[in-house]
Amino acid sequence: MGIYTIKEALDEAKVNDLDIVLISKDVDPAICKMVDFGKYRYDEDKKQKNNKHHVQELKEVKISPNTAIHDLNVTLKKVNKFLSQGDKVKITCVFKAREMIHPKIGLEKIQYLLENIVVNYHVDKEPIEEKSMHTILSPVKK
């Protein structure tokens, strides 16, 4: 294949059962290629998929001081999944009514989660004793 006139290019493409694809229209003369259009589109889509970057989001999981150990383990799986996907995680312990008398129980639940996380993480914000205690974790990049 080389440089063809328009008529020669159309004839050559027809003989070889190929399509003519415009590559660059900004130059004079425009640059075209003879390719199988289905394969060309497939390769272009594949390049675009590989170039996508993950946008980091802040995911939140909520617990309470009365959350059972099994429910904490389910929450732990979610936290591990979010961190492994590259998202930040906000763990919130919400106190209701008389639960606010015992903030240490909520802190213990958060500490349990932090101790059992499998993925490498960094604590952006330590838990503070308030009406809703929360901490923010971000994944450590490799």
Foldseek 3Di string as FASTA:
>chain_A
DDDDDPVVVVVVLVVVVWDKAFDAVPDVPTDIDTHHVVVVVVVVVVVVVVPDDDDAEEAEDEAELPDDPVVLVVVLVVCLVNQVSFYKYKYKYAYDDPSLVCLVSVVVSVVVSVVPRDAAWDWPADWDRDNMTMTMIGGDDD
